[in-house]
Amino acid sequence: MLEIIPVLDLMNSVAVSGKSGNRDTYTPLQTIYASSSDPVEIANSLKRANAKEMYIADLDLIERNGNHNIYKIKEVNTILPVIVDVETAGFDPQKDALLEVAMMTVKIDENGKFVPDELFKANIRPFEGANINESNIKFLGIDPFDESRDLKTEEEALIPMFKAISKKVKAAKCKRAILVGHNGNFDLSFIYAAAERLNYKRCPFHPFSVFDTASLSLLVLGQSVLVKSCIASGIDFDLKEAHGAAYDTQKECELFCSILNKVTTFMGYPVNMNIDVDYGHEEKDS
């Protein structure tokens, strides 16, 4: 079945229309879907008309004329990517100690490119009764009980991070953060296990969806190992600093931004659509 995907061309923060690719003659778009050429108004109207996908072309960014429309595009999206890396004393998020956590947000620079923003990090004192697997500790090369590492409890470390990320989500006019990580489901499992131990109900991250930079790197760069993916993307990587949450988070953030910039340059910016699905389930009498 043929599917129609709406297309919006943006120029100088408005939706425009034209013919034959002659962008000098493009004018503000007039459409039955909105009373103005505001792309956010048009996009929301298309959502209400059951549009499932949308393609947005930022003509100013494509033409490299110094302007970009990313802030208008962001108003249509509802998720904020946050890069997260954890170091742990094992692989069981319920039983094994969480030792290091780092989170990093992204922002848009003056050229309309995604770049690393603010870093949050902490070394964490193992929770009471946590398992400590010696093989993991040797691999990381740390003493999990060394107070000179400025250890914090999970509560002291994570709740301020959660609140800071929630503020970033609100400032970006998003609904929720989505975790970005190298094999990100592992990081997400430890974040949510810690939130459950703290009985913290407002964890800002989507409970099961992630952007996995290992999979993205394999798709775009042909590499899945973090150091090889960074090298393939032209990002410096110091092996002596690897396997520390703060350093790995910064490198994963650079990698994610590099991949995202490649994709959006050639494919436009994705738009998160609010879609109601009728799965045909019949309600049963209780």
C-alpha atoms as a PDB file:
ATOM      1  CA  MET A   1       0.000   0.000   0.000  1.00  0.00           C
ATOM      2  CA  LEU A   2       1.263   3.451  -0.908  1.00  0.00           C
ATOM      3  CA  GLU A   3       2.054   5.616   2.114  1.00  0.00           C
ATOM      4  CA  ILE A   4       2.160   9.410   1.933  1.00  0.00           C
ATOM      5  CA  ILE A   5       4.840  11.097   4.064  1.00  0.00           C
ATOM      6  CA  PRO A   6       4.399  14.876   4.537  1.00  0.00           C
ATOM      7  CA  VAL A   7       7.443  17.025   3.743  1.00  0.00           C
ATOM      8  CA  LEU A   8       8.218  20.417   5.265  1.00  0.00           C
ATOM      9  CA  ASP A   9      10.895  22.746   3.885  1.00  0.00           C
ATOM     10  CA  LEU A  10      12.074  25.274   6.481  1.00  0.00           C
ATOM     11  CA  MET A  11      13.715  28.609   5.774  1.00  0.00           C
ATOM     12  CA  ASN A  12      14.168  31.487   8.214  1.00  0.00           C
ATOM     13  CA  SER A  13      12.093  29.611  10.824  1.00  0.00           C
ATOM     14  CA  VAL A  14       9.002  29.246   8.630  1.00  0.00           C
ATOM     15  CA  ALA A  15       7.680  26.531   6.322  1.00  0.00           C
ATOM     16  CA  VAL A  16       8.124  27.509   2.681  1.00  0.00           C
ATOM     17  CA  SER A  17       7.080  26.328  -0.767  1.00  0.00           C
ATOM     18  CA  GLY A  18       8.530  26.755  -4.222  1.00  0.00           C
ATOM     19  CA  LYS A  19       9.104  25.154  -7.583  1.00  0.00           C
ATOM     20  CA  SER A  20      12.016  23.513  -9.384  1.00  0.00           C
ATOM     21  CA  GLY A  21      14.373  23.898  -6.435  1.00  0.00           C
ATOM     22  CA  ASN A  22      14.820  27.630  -7.052  1.00  0.00           C
ATOM     23  CA  ARG A  23      15.079  28.573  -3.398  1.00  0.00           C
ATOM     24  CA  ASP A  24      15.446  32.290  -4.072  1.00  0.00           C
ATOM     25  CA  THR A  25      11.778  32.314  -5.050  1.00  0.00           C
ATOM     26  CA  TYR A  26      10.449  30.265  -2.121  1.00  0.00           C
ATOM     27  CA  THR A  27       7.602  31.904  -0.204  1.00  0.00           C
ATOM     28  CA  PRO A  28       5.882  31.129   3.135  1.00  0.00           C
ATOM     29  CA  LEU A  29       3.761  28.022   2.832  1.00  0.00           C
ATOM     30  CA  GLN A  30      -0.013  28.364   2.664  1.00  0.00           C
ATOM     31  CA  THR A  31      -1.830  25.215   3.683  1.00  0.00           C
ATOM     32  CA  ILE A  32      -5.240  24.032   4.792  1.00  0.00           C
ATOM     33  CA  TYR A  33      -3.573  22.452   7.816  1.00  0.00           C
ATOM     34  CA  ALA A  34      -2.692  25.717   9.561  1.00  0.00           C
ATOM     35  CA  SER A  35      -3.545  29.400   9.626  1.00  0.00           C
ATOM     36  CA  SER A  36       0.120  30.373   9.356  1.00  0.00           C
ATOM     37  CA  SER A  37       3.409  29.097   8.007  1.00  0.00           C
ATOM     38  CA  ASP A  38       4.665  28.231  11.495  1.00  0.00           C
ATOM     39  CA  PRO A  39       6.168  24.718  11.110  1.00  0.00           C
ATOM     40  CA  VAL A  40       5.200  23.712  14.651  1.00  0.00           C
ATOM     41  CA  GLU A  41       1.549  24.604  14.041  1.00  0.00           C
ATOM     42  CA  ILE A  42       1.588  22.730  10.738  1.00  0.00           C
ATOM     43  CA  ALA A  43       3.320  19.671  12.229  1.00  0.00           C
ATOM     44  CA  ASN A  44       0.871  19.466  15.130  1.00  0.00           C
ATOM     45  CA  SER A  45      -2.038  19.734  12.698  1.00  0.00           C
ATOM     46  CA  LEU A  46      -0.573  16.923  10.607  1.00  0.00           C
ATOM     47  CA  LYS A  47      -0.280  14.825  13.757  1.00  0.00           C
ATOM     48  CA  ARG A  48      -3.962  15.352  14.434  1.00  0.00           C
ATOM     49  CA  ALA A  49      -4.638  14.298  10.834  1.00  0.00           C
ATOM     50  CA  ASN A  50      -2.915  10.968  11.633  1.00  0.00           C
ATOM     51  CA  ALA A  51       0.407  11.602   9.896  1.00  0.00           C
ATOM     52  CA  LYS A  52       2.692   8.802  11.104  1.00  0.00           C
ATOM     53  CA  GLU A  53       5.969  10.168   9.737  1.00  0.00           C
ATOM     54  CA  MET A  54       7.264  13.500   8.564  1.00  0.00           C
ATOM     55  CA  TYR A  55      10.362  14.636   6.683  1.00  0.00           C
ATOM     56  CA  ILE A  56      11.784  18.063   7.524  1.00  0.00           C
ATOM     57  CA  ALA A  57      14.449  19.709   5.362  1.00  0.00           C
ATOM     58  CA  ASP A  58      16.330  22.610   6.929  1.00  0.00           C
ATOM     59  CA  LEU A  59      17.133  24.570   3.761  1.00  0.00           C
ATOM     60  CA  ASP A  60      19.231  27.152   5.613  1.00  0.00           C
ATOM     61  CA  LEU A  61      21.467  24.420   7.016  1.00  0.00           C
ATOM     62  CA  ILE A  62      21.663  22.613   3.669  1.00  0.00           C
ATOM     63  CA  GLU A  63      22.635  25.861   1.900  1.00  0.00           C
ATOM     64  CA  ARG A  64      25.139  26.672   4.690  1.00  0.00           C
ATOM     65  CA  ASN A  65      23.999  30.257   4.783  1.00  0.00           C
ATOM     66  CA  GLY A  66      24.728  30.678   8.496  1.00  0.00           C
ATOM     67  CA  ASN A  67      21.168  30.188   9.716  1.00  0.00           C
ATOM     68  CA  HIS A  68      19.417  27.080  10.918  1.00  0.00           C
ATOM     69  CA  ASN A  69      15.966  26.077  12.098  1.00  0.00           C
ATOM     70  CA  ILE A  70      16.829  23.461  14.688  1.00  0.00           C
ATOM     71  CA  TYR A  71      14.980  25.200  17.505  1.00  0.00           C
ATOM     72  CA  LYS A  72      11.741  25.090  15.539  1.00  0.00           C
ATOM     73  CA  ILE A  73      12.380  21.437  14.760  1.00  0.00           C
ATOM     74  CA  LYS A  74      13.078  20.668  18.415  1.00  0.00           C
ATOM     75  CA  GLU A  75       9.668  22.045  19.359  1.00  0.00           C
ATOM     76  CA  VAL A  76       8.084  19.241  17.330  1.00  0.00           C
ATOM     77  CA  ASN A  77      10.189  16.524  18.996  1.00  0.00           C
ATOM     78  CA  THR A  78       9.502  15.243  22.493  1.00  0.00           C
ATOM     79  CA  ILE A  79      12.632  13.376  23.645  1.00  0.00           C
ATOM     80  CA  LEU A  80      15.987  14.654  24.865  1.00  0.00           C
ATOM     81  CA  PRO A  81      18.993  12.355  24.325  1.00  0.00           C
ATOM     82  CA  VAL A  82      21.286  12.056  27.357  1.00  0.00           C
ATOM     83  CA  ILE A  83      24.490  10.042  27.153  1.00  0.00           C
ATOM     84  CA  VAL A  84      25.037   7.766  30.162  1.00  0.00           C
ATOM     85  CA  ASP A  85      27.815   5.409  31.198  1.00  0.00           C
ATOM     86  CA  VAL A  86      28.079   3.308  34.357  1.00  0.00           C
ATOM     87  CA  GLU A  87      30.888   1.242  35.837  1.00  0.00           C
ATOM     88  CA  THR A  88      29.779  -1.651  38.012  1.00  0.00           C
ATOM     89  CA  ALA A  89      31.051  -4.517  40.161  1.00  0.00           C
ATOM     90  CA  GLY A  90      29.174  -7.097  38.105  1.00  0.00           C
ATOM     91  CA  PHE A  91      26.388  -7.647  35.614  1.00  0.00           C
ATOM     92  CA  ASP A  92      23.335  -8.011  37.847  1.00  0.00           C
ATOM     93  CA  PRO A  93      21.713  -4.571  38.328  1.00  0.00           C
ATOM     94  CA  GLN A  94      19.727  -5.772  41.334  1.00  0.00           C
ATOM     95  CA  LYS A  95      22.601  -7.335  43.281  1.00  0.00           C
ATOM     96  CA  ASP A  96      25.916  -5.925  42.021  1.00  0.00           C
ATOM     97  CA  ALA A  97      27.336  -2.576  43.110  1.00  0.00           C
ATOM     98  CA  LEU A  98      27.032   0.558  41.006  1.00  0.00           C
ATOM     99  CA  LEU A  99      30.470   2.208  41.230  1.00  0.00           C
ATOM    100  CA  GLU A 100      30.573   5.147  38.809  1.00  0.00           C
ATOM    101  CA  VAL A 101      27.935   7.107  36.921  1.00  0.00           C
ATOM    102  CA  ALA A 102      28.277   9.884  34.376  1.00  0.00           C
ATOM    103  CA  MET A 103      25.625  11.654  32.310  1.00  0.00           C
ATOM    104  CA  MET A 104      26.085  14.211  29.533  1.00  0.00           C
ATOM    105  CA  THR A 105      23.556  16.289  27.661  1.00  0.00           C
ATOM    106  CA  VAL A 106      23.821  17.608  24.111  1.00  0.00           C
ATOM    107  CA  LYS A 107      23.095  21.016  22.653  1.00  0.00           C
ATOM    108  CA  ILE A 108      22.933  22.759  19.279  1.00  0.00           C
ATOM    109  CA  ASP A 109      25.805  25.073  18.350  1.00  0.00           C
ATOM    110  CA  GLU A 110      25.687  28.216  16.219  1.00  0.00           C
ATOM    111  CA  ASN A 111      26.044  26.105  13.068  1.00  0.00           C
ATOM    112  CA  GLY A 112      23.063  23.911  13.849  1.00  0.00           C
ATOM    113  CA  LYS A 113      25.231  20.935  14.815  1.00  0.00           C
ATOM    114  CA  PHE A 114      24.795  18.651  17.802  1.00  0.00           C
ATOM    115  CA  VAL A 115      27.689  19.016  20.264  1.00  0.00           C
ATOM    116  CA  PRO A 116      28.405  17.811  23.841  1.00  0.00           C
ATOM    117  CA  ASP A 117      26.976  20.024  26.567  1.00  0.00           C
ATOM    118  CA  GLU A 118      27.102  19.538  30.359  1.00  0.00           C
ATOM    119  CA  LEU A 119      28.712  16.610  32.179  1.00  0.00           C
ATOM    120  CA  PHE A 120      27.457  15.199  35.493  1.00  0.00           C
ATOM    121  CA  LYS A 121      29.562  12.545  37.232  1.00  0.00           C
ATOM    122  CA  ALA A 122      30.035  10.750  40.541  1.00  0.00           C
ATOM    123  CA  ASN A 123      31.928   7.886  42.165  1.00  0.00           C
ATOM    124  CA  ILE A 124      29.504   5.822  44.207  1.00  0.00           C
ATOM    125  CA  ARG A 125      29.928   3.958  47.471  1.00  0.00           C
ATOM    126  CA  PRO A 126      28.523   0.410  47.082  1.00  0.00           C
ATOM    127  CA  PHE A 127      25.063   0.051  48.602  1.00  0.00           C
ATOM    128  CA  GLU A 128      24.708  -2.098  51.701  1.00  0.00           C
ATOM    129  CA  GLY A 129      24.827  -5.807  50.860  1.00  0.00           C
ATOM    130  CA  ALA A 130      25.985  -5.234  47.267  1.00  0.00           C
ATOM    131  CA  ASN A 131      27.962  -7.950  45.493  1.00  0.00           C
ATOM    132  CA  ILE A 132      31.524  -7.079  44.548  1.00  0.00           C
ATOM    133  CA  ASN A 133      32.985  -9.301  41.830  1.00  0.00           C
ATOM    134  CA  GLU A 134      36.768  -9.185  42.054  1.00  0.00           C
ATOM    135  CA  SER A 135      37.230  -9.760  38.315  1.00  0.00           C
ATOM    136  CA  ASN A 136      35.286  -6.567  37.569  1.00  0.00           C
ATOM    137  CA  ILE A 137      37.268  -4.585  40.149  1.00  0.00           C
ATOM    138  CA  LYS A 138      40.585  -5.758  38.700  1.00  0.00           C
ATOM    139  CA  PHE A 139      39.423  -4.857  35.209  1.00  0.00           C
ATOM    140  CA  LEU A 140      38.455  -1.344  36.312  1.00  0.00           C
ATOM    141  CA  GLY A 141      41.557  -0.921  38.450  1.00  0.00           C
ATOM    142  CA  ILE A 142      39.789   0.817  41.334  1.00  0.00           C
ATOM    143  CA  ASP A 143      39.128   0.267  45.030  1.00  0.00           C
ATOM    144  CA  PRO A 144      35.338   0.660  45.400  1.00  0.00           C
ATOM    145  CA  PHE A 145      35.736   1.632  49.089  1.00  0.00           C
ATOM    146  CA  ASP A 146      38.520   4.195  48.619  1.00  0.00           C
ATOM    147  CA  GLU A 147      37.087   7.364  50.174  1.00  0.00           C
ATOM    148  CA  SER A 148      39.780   9.489  48.496  1.00  0.00           C
ATOM    149  CA  ARG A 149      37.737   9.003  45.309  1.00  0.00           C
ATOM    150  CA  ASP A 150      35.123  11.354  46.834  1.00  0.00           C
ATOM    151  CA  LEU A 151      32.557   8.587  47.163  1.00  0.00           C
ATOM    152  CA  LYS A 152      28.865   9.423  47.367  1.00  0.00           C
ATOM    153  CA  THR A 153      25.866   7.282  48.229  1.00  0.00           C
ATOM    154  CA  GLU A 154      23.494   6.417  45.404  1.00  0.00           C
ATOM    155  CA  GLU A 155      21.063   8.950  46.829  1.00  0.00           C
ATOM    156  CA  GLU A 156      23.663  11.726  47.015  1.00  0.00           C
ATOM    157  CA  ALA A 157      24.882  11.018  43.491  1.00  0.00           C
ATOM    158  CA  LEU A 158      21.815  10.092  41.472  1.00  0.00           C
ATOM    159  CA  ILE A 159      18.957  12.235  42.733  1.00  0.00           C
ATOM    160  CA  PRO A 160      20.749  15.534  41.923  1.00  0.00           C
ATOM    161  CA  MET A 161      21.589  14.118  38.483  1.00  0.00           C
ATOM    162  CA  PHE A 162      17.980  13.055  37.891  1.00  0.00           C
ATOM    163  CA  LYS A 163      16.750  16.520  38.877  1.00  0.00           C
ATOM    164  CA  ALA A 164      19.333  18.248  36.664  1.00  0.00           C
ATOM    165  CA  ILE A 165      18.338  16.107  33.680  1.00  0.00           C
ATOM    166  CA  SER A 166      14.644  16.785  34.347  1.00  0.00           C
ATOM    167  CA  LYS A 167      15.367  20.529  34.241  1.00  0.00           C
ATOM    168  CA  LYS A 168      17.164  20.056  30.912  1.00  0.00           C
ATOM    169  CA  VAL A 169      14.165  18.127  29.566  1.00  0.00           C
ATOM    170  CA  LYS A 170      11.785  20.910  30.612  1.00  0.00           C
ATOM    171  CA  ALA A 171      14.029  23.642  29.210  1.00  0.00           C
ATOM    172  CA  ALA A 172      14.160  21.830  25.863  1.00  0.00           C
ATOM    173  CA  LYS A 173      10.338  21.546  25.846  1.00  0.00           C
ATOM    174  CA  CYS A 174      10.646  17.768  25.748  1.00  0.00           C
ATOM    175  CA  LYS A 175       8.571  15.194  27.594  1.00  0.00           C
ATOM    176  CA  ARG A 176      11.274  12.758  28.595  1.00  0.00           C
ATOM    177  CA  ALA A 177      14.972  11.956  28.346  1.00  0.00           C
ATOM    178  CA  ILE A 178      16.124   8.912  26.433  1.00  0.00           C
ATOM    179  CA  LEU A 179      19.324   7.192  27.466  1.00  0.00           C
ATOM    180  CA  VAL A 180      22.156   7.036  24.936  1.00  0.00           C
ATOM    181  CA  GLY A 181      24.849   4.492  25.690  1.00  0.00           C
ATOM    182  CA  HIS A 182      27.282   1.997  24.245  1.00  0.00           C
ATOM    183  CA  ASN A 183      25.213  -1.161  24.815  1.00  0.00           C
ATOM    184  CA  GLY A 184      22.813   1.225  26.486  1.00  0.00           C
ATOM    185  CA  ASN A 185      20.358  -1.327  27.879  1.00  0.00           C
ATOM    186  CA  PHE A 186      23.045  -2.359  30.374  1.00  0.00           C
ATOM    187  CA  ASP A 187      23.405   1.218  31.627  1.00  0.00           C
ATOM    188  CA  LEU A 188      19.641   1.703  31.751  1.00  0.00           C
ATOM    189  CA  SER A 189      19.147  -1.450  33.823  1.00  0.00           C
ATOM    190  CA  PHE A 190      21.551  -0.217  36.516  1.00  0.00           C
ATOM    191  CA  ILE A 191      20.067   3.300  36.510  1.00  0.00           C
ATOM    192  CA  TYR A 192      16.546   1.978  37.037  1.00  0.00           C
ATOM    193  CA  ALA A 193      17.640  -0.589  39.639  1.00  0.00           C
ATOM    194  CA  ALA A 194      19.245   2.229  41.643  1.00  0.00           C
ATOM    195  CA  ALA A 195      16.136   4.394  41.253  1.00  0.00           C
ATOM    196  CA  GLU A 196      14.056   1.519  42.615  1.00  0.00           C
ATOM    197  CA  ARG A 197      16.380   1.106  45.617  1.00  0.00           C
ATOM    198  CA  LEU A 198      15.945   4.815  46.302  1.00  0.00           C
ATOM    199  CA  ASN A 199      12.180   4.586  45.753  1.00  0.00           C
ATOM    200  CA  TYR A 200      12.606   7.510  43.347  1.00  0.00           C
ATOM    201  CA  LYS A 201       9.517   7.677  41.136  1.00  0.00           C
ATOM    202  CA  ARG A 202      10.555  10.494  38.803  1.00  0.00           C
ATOM    203  CA  CYS A 203      13.462   8.952  36.929  1.00  0.00           C
ATOM    204  CA  PRO A 204      13.693  11.144  33.801  1.00  0.00           C
ATOM    205  CA  PHE A 205      14.678   8.350  31.416  1.00  0.00           C
ATOM    206  CA  HIS A 206      12.354   6.340  29.224  1.00  0.00           C
ATOM    207  CA  PRO A 207      11.939   3.010  31.055  1.00  0.00           C
ATOM    208  CA  PHE A 208      12.982   0.709  28.205  1.00  0.00           C
ATOM    209  CA  SER A 209      13.968   2.598  25.022  1.00  0.00           C
ATOM    210  CA  VAL A 210      17.581   3.610  24.372  1.00  0.00           C
ATOM    211  CA  PHE A 211      19.812   4.909  21.603  1.00  0.00           C
ATOM    212  CA  ASP A 212      22.566   2.293  21.412  1.00  0.00           C
ATOM    213  CA  THR A 213      25.763   3.823  20.037  1.00  0.00           C
ATOM    214  CA  ALA A 214      27.233   0.355  19.471  1.00  0.00           C
ATOM    215  CA  SER A 215      24.444  -0.497  17.018  1.00  0.00           C
ATOM    216  CA  LEU A 216      24.460   2.987  15.463  1.00  0.00           C
ATOM    217  CA  SER A 217      28.229   2.816  14.993  1.00  0.00           C
ATOM    218  CA  LEU A 218      28.014  -0.596  13.351  1.00  0.00           C
ATOM    219  CA  LEU A 219      25.362   0.725  10.972  1.00  0.00           C
ATOM    220  CA  VAL A 220      27.078   4.005  10.072  1.00  0.00           C
ATOM    221  CA  LEU A 221      30.788   3.274  10.616  1.00  0.00           C
ATOM    222  CA  GLY A 222      31.089  -0.513  10.345  1.00  0.00           C
ATOM    223  CA  GLN A 223      32.486  -0.712  13.897  1.00  0.00           C
ATOM    224  CA  SER A 224      30.864  -1.587  17.219  1.00  0.00           C
ATOM    225  CA  VAL A 225      33.735  -1.361  19.741  1.00  0.00           C
ATOM    226  CA  LEU A 226      33.831   2.127  21.289  1.00  0.00           C
ATOM    227  CA  VAL A 227      37.513   2.895  20.651  1.00  0.00           C
ATOM    228  CA  LYS A 228      37.330   1.654  17.039  1.00  0.00           C
ATOM    229  CA  SER A 229      34.093   3.576  16.438  1.00  0.00           C
ATOM    230  CA  CYS A 230      35.687   6.775  17.732  1.00  0.00           C
ATOM    231  CA  ILE A 231      38.776   6.328  15.564  1.00  0.00           C
ATOM    232  CA  ALA A 232      36.594   5.622  12.510  1.00  0.00           C
ATOM    233  CA  SER A 233      34.710   8.856  13.241  1.00  0.00           C
ATOM    234  CA  GLY A 234      37.901  10.915  13.660  1.00  0.00           C
ATOM    235  CA  ILE A 235      37.584  11.233  17.461  1.00  0.00           C
ATOM    236  CA  ASP A 236      40.711  11.046  19.646  1.00  0.00           C
ATOM    237  CA  PHE A 237      40.622   8.213  22.183  1.00  0.00           C
ATOM    238  CA  ASP A 238      43.067   7.588  25.047  1.00  0.00           C
ATOM    239  CA  LEU A 239      43.068   3.914  26.029  1.00  0.00           C
ATOM    240  CA  LYS A 240      44.628   4.804  29.397  1.00  0.00           C
ATOM    241  CA  GLU A 241      41.484   6.768  30.291  1.00  0.00           C
ATOM    242  CA  ALA A 242      39.034   4.146  29.033  1.00  0.00           C
ATOM    243  CA  HIS A 243      36.603   2.326  31.339  1.00  0.00           C
ATOM    244  CA  GLY A 244      36.090   5.353  33.528  1.00  0.00           C
ATOM    245  CA  ALA A 245      32.457   6.481  33.417  1.00  0.00           C
ATOM    246  CA  ALA A 246      33.229  10.178  32.905  1.00  0.00           C
ATOM    247  CA  TYR A 247      35.731   9.642  30.070  1.00  0.00           C
ATOM    248  CA  ASP A 248      33.649   7.013  28.294  1.00  0.00           C
ATOM    249  CA  THR A 249      30.557   9.215  28.544  1.00  0.00           C
ATOM    250  CA  GLN A 250      32.357  12.136  26.926  1.00  0.00           C
ATOM    251  CA  LYS A 251      33.609   9.940  24.090  1.00  0.00           C
ATOM    252  CA  GLU A 252      30.211   8.307  23.605  1.00  0.00           C
ATOM    253  CA  CYS A 253      28.684  11.786  23.476  1.00  0.00           C
ATOM    254  CA  GLU A 254      31.151  12.929  20.815  1.00  0.00           C
ATOM    255  CA  LEU A 255      30.453   9.759  18.863  1.00  0.00           C
ATOM    256  CA  PHE A 256      26.674  10.117  19.126  1.00  0.00           C
ATOM    257  CA  CYS A 257      26.822  13.759  18.013  1.00  0.00           C
ATOM    258  CA  SER A 258      29.052  12.841  15.071  1.00  0.00           C
ATOM    259  CA  ILE A 259      26.654  10.117  13.910  1.00  0.00           C
ATOM    260  CA  LEU A 260      23.597  12.290  14.482  1.00  0.00           C
ATOM    261  CA  ASN A 261      25.110  15.155  12.499  1.00  0.00           C
ATOM    262  CA  LYS A 262      25.886  12.822   9.599  1.00  0.00           C
ATOM    263  CA  VAL A 263      22.355  11.431   9.553  1.00  0.00           C
ATOM    264  CA  THR A 264      20.523  14.753   9.865  1.00  0.00           C
ATOM    265  CA  THR A 265      22.690  16.415   7.231  1.00  0.00           C
ATOM    266  CA  PHE A 266      21.592  13.943   4.586  1.00  0.00           C
ATOM    267  CA  MET A 267      18.179  12.821   5.853  1.00  0.00           C
ATOM    268  CA  GLY A 268      16.740  15.807   7.694  1.00  0.00           C
ATOM    269  CA  TYR A 269      15.549  15.859  11.298  1.00  0.00           C
ATOM    270  CA  PRO A 270      13.186  13.179  12.630  1.00  0.00           C
ATOM    271  CA  VAL A 271       9.891  14.263  14.110  1.00  0.00           C
ATOM    272  CA  ASN A 272       8.344  12.396  17.033  1.00  0.00           C
ATOM    273  CA  MET A 273       4.692  11.786  16.145  1.00  0.00           C
ATOM    274  CA  ASN A 274       1.936  11.280  18.697  1.00  0.00           C
ATOM    275  CA  ILE A 275       0.160   8.204  17.355  1.00  0.00           C
ATOM    276  CA  ASP A 276      -2.904   6.490  18.767  1.00  0.00           C
ATOM    277  CA  VAL A 277      -3.160   2.840  17.746  1.00  0.00           C
ATOM    278  CA  ASP A 278      -6.328   0.750  17.864  1.00  0.00           C
ATOM    279  CA  TYR A 279      -5.022  -2.786  18.414  1.00  0.00           C
ATOM    280  CA  GLY A 280      -8.529  -4.236  18.187  1.00  0.00           C
ATOM    281  CA  HIS A 281      -8.529  -5.661  21.705  1.00  0.00           C
ATOM    282  CA  GLU A 282     -12.012  -6.215  23.006  1.00  0.00           C
ATOM    283  CA  GLU A 283     -12.644  -5.186  26.591  1.00  0.00           C
ATOM    284  CA  LYS A 284     -13.798  -8.109  28.690  1.00  0.00           C
ATOM    285  CA  ASP A 285     -16.349  -7.855  31.452  1.00  0.00           C
ATOM    286  CA  SER A 286     -14.738  -8.047  34.880  1.00  0.00           C
END
